[in-house]
Structures are given as structure tokens and as C-alpha cells.
Amino acid sequence: MIRHVCMFEFLDEAQGRTRAENVAITKAMLEALPEKIEWIRASTVSLNAKDAPEGNWDLILMSDFDSFEDLERYRVHPDHVAVGQFMRPVRRARACVDFEL
């Protein structure tokens, strides 16, 4: 089993929307992926708590796959690519780790 963990930091304003609006849209898009991509075994999207320290990242995605091959299929899937296309102009940074469970 492979766990794919990504954290994102969003711009304060981008594409005519606030950070909170872009984070909410991204969360909804990511949460819709398991219904569209059958090889996602599990997926959780969480937002930084409103009372958390300033400087924390905004959103974390944790997804599980049976193999690195399935993770690669996910990476190039059109629905996942669409999420990335939405996020690129609204995020400041991305950090990712993939590891075996």
C-alpha cells in the first residue's frame, strides 16, 4: 500500500477569489476524485484549523493506493489533472511525500 500525502499553501487572493474560497473549491474537487477514480483506496482532505498557528499550510490530502503504478495512473488521470490545473494559479506552494505502509 502506498500513501500519498500532499500539503498546499494558497495565495491570499487569486483568480478573483479569496484564499478561503479557493481552498473550499479545491477541497470539494479533491473529495470528488474517489468517485471518479476507482483505484483510490482511501482519501482524506483536511483543512488547517481556524485556531491553528499562523504560518501553517492550508490543506492536506492523504490518499492510499495499492501500488506506485496506481499512484502514477492517478497522477495522469484527467480528473486529477483538472484539479491541478485549477490549483496552479491559486496556490503558493506544494509539498508531497509518497511512502509505503
Protein backbone atom coordinates (compact mmCIF):
# COMPACT_ATOMS: atom_id res chain seq x y z
CA MET A 1 0.00 0.00 0.00
CA ILE A 2 1.25 3.47 -0.92
CA ARG A 3 0.24 6.61 0.96
CA HIS A 4 0.34 9.87 -1.00
CA VAL A 5 0.43 12.96 1.24
CA CYS A 6 0.37 16.49 -0.17
CA MET A 7 0.15 19.84 1.61
CA PHE A 8 -0.81 23.07 -0.07
CA GLU A 9 -0.45 26.73 0.79
CA PHE A 10 -2.74 29.09 -1.11
CA LEU A 11 -2.34 32.68 -2.20
CA ASP A 12 -4.31 35.29 -0.25
CA GLU A 13 -6.21 36.22 -3.42
CA ALA A 14 -6.15 34.65 -6.87
CA GLN A 15 -8.42 34.37 -9.89
CA GLY A 16 -10.82 36.90 -8.32
CA ARG A 17 -11.39 34.77 -5.22
CA THR A 18 -10.17 34.80 -1.63
CA ARG A 19 -7.89 32.17 -0.15
CA ALA A 20 -10.83 30.64 1.72
CA GLU A 21 -12.89 30.38 -1.48
CA ASN A 22 -10.07 28.72 -3.42
CA VAL A 23 -9.35 26.32 -0.56
CA ALA A 24 -13.04 25.34 -0.38
CA ILE A 25 -13.24 24.76 -4.15
CA THR A 26 -10.06 22.68 -4.07
CA LYS A 27 -11.33 20.61 -1.15
CA ALA A 28 -14.57 19.84 -2.98
CA MET A 29 -12.70 18.90 -6.17
CA LEU A 30 -10.31 16.58 -4.32
CA GLU A 31 -13.12 14.96 -2.33
CA ALA A 32 -14.93 14.14 -5.58
CA LEU A 33 -11.98 12.17 -7.02
CA PRO A 34 -12.57 8.80 -5.27
CA GLU A 35 -15.95 8.52 -7.00
CA LYS A 36 -14.26 9.10 -10.37
CA ILE A 37 -11.01 7.14 -9.92
CA GLU A 38 -11.64 3.59 -8.77
CA TRP A 39 -8.04 2.79 -7.77
CA ILE A 40 -8.04 5.35 -4.96
CA ARG A 41 -8.39 3.04 -1.94
CA ALA A 42 -8.88 5.81 0.63
CA SER A 43 -8.68 9.60 0.60
CA THR A 44 -8.95 12.31 3.21
CA VAL A 45 -8.85 16.05 2.61
CA SER A 46 -8.45 18.23 5.69
CA LEU A 47 -8.17 21.98 6.24
CA ASN A 48 -5.96 23.72 8.74
CA ALA A 49 -7.95 24.51 11.89
CA LYS A 50 -9.06 28.13 12.12
CA ASP A 51 -7.40 28.48 15.55
CA ALA A 52 -4.12 26.85 14.46
CA PRO A 53 -0.93 28.91 14.49
CA GLU A 54 -0.42 31.36 11.67
CA GLY A 55 2.00 30.08 9.08
CA ASN A 56 0.55 26.57 8.91
CA TRP A 57 -0.32 25.23 5.48
CA ASP A 58 -3.95 25.45 4.33
CA LEU A 59 -4.91 21.97 3.12
CA ILE A 60 -3.64 18.41 3.32
CA LEU A 61 -4.54 15.47 1.09
CA MET A 62 -3.85 11.89 2.18
CA SER A 63 -4.65 9.16 -0.34
CA ASP A 64 -3.91 5.43 -0.42
CA PHE A 65 -3.16 3.28 -3.47
CA ASP A 66 -2.32 -0.39 -3.91
CA SER A 67 0.92 0.38 -5.77
CA PHE A 68 3.13 3.08 -7.22
CA GLU A 69 1.69 2.10 -10.60
CA ASP A 70 -1.80 3.03 -9.37
CA LEU A 71 -0.42 6.30 -7.99
CA GLU A 72 1.05 7.07 -11.41
CA ARG A 73 -2.29 6.26 -13.10
CA TYR A 74 -3.92 8.68 -10.62
CA ARG A 75 -1.35 11.37 -11.38
CA VAL A 76 -2.22 11.39 -15.09
CA HIS A 77 -5.97 10.75 -14.79
CA PRO A 78 -7.90 13.59 -16.49
CA ASP A 79 -9.98 14.38 -13.39
CA HIS A 80 -6.86 14.67 -11.23
CA VAL A 81 -5.13 16.75 -13.91
CA ALA A 82 -8.14 19.11 -13.89
CA VAL A 83 -7.71 19.68 -10.14
CA GLY A 84 -4.05 20.51 -10.69
CA GLN A 85 -4.93 22.95 -13.46
CA PHE A 86 -7.36 24.73 -11.12
CA MET A 87 -4.84 24.82 -8.27
CA ARG A 88 -1.69 26.03 -10.04
CA PRO A 89 -2.68 29.70 -10.29
CA VAL A 90 -4.22 29.84 -6.78
CA ARG A 91 -1.59 28.08 -4.68
CA ARG A 92 1.66 29.43 -3.32
CA ALA A 93 3.38 26.12 -2.58
CA ARG A 94 3.01 22.33 -2.61
CA ALA A 95 4.86 19.68 -0.63
CA CYS A 96 4.39 15.97 -1.18
CA VAL A 97 5.62 12.65 0.24
CA ASP A 98 4.80 9.15 -1.05
CA PHE A 99 5.62 6.20 1.18
CA GLU A 100 4.89 2.53 1.69
CA LEU A 101 2.64 1.47 4.52
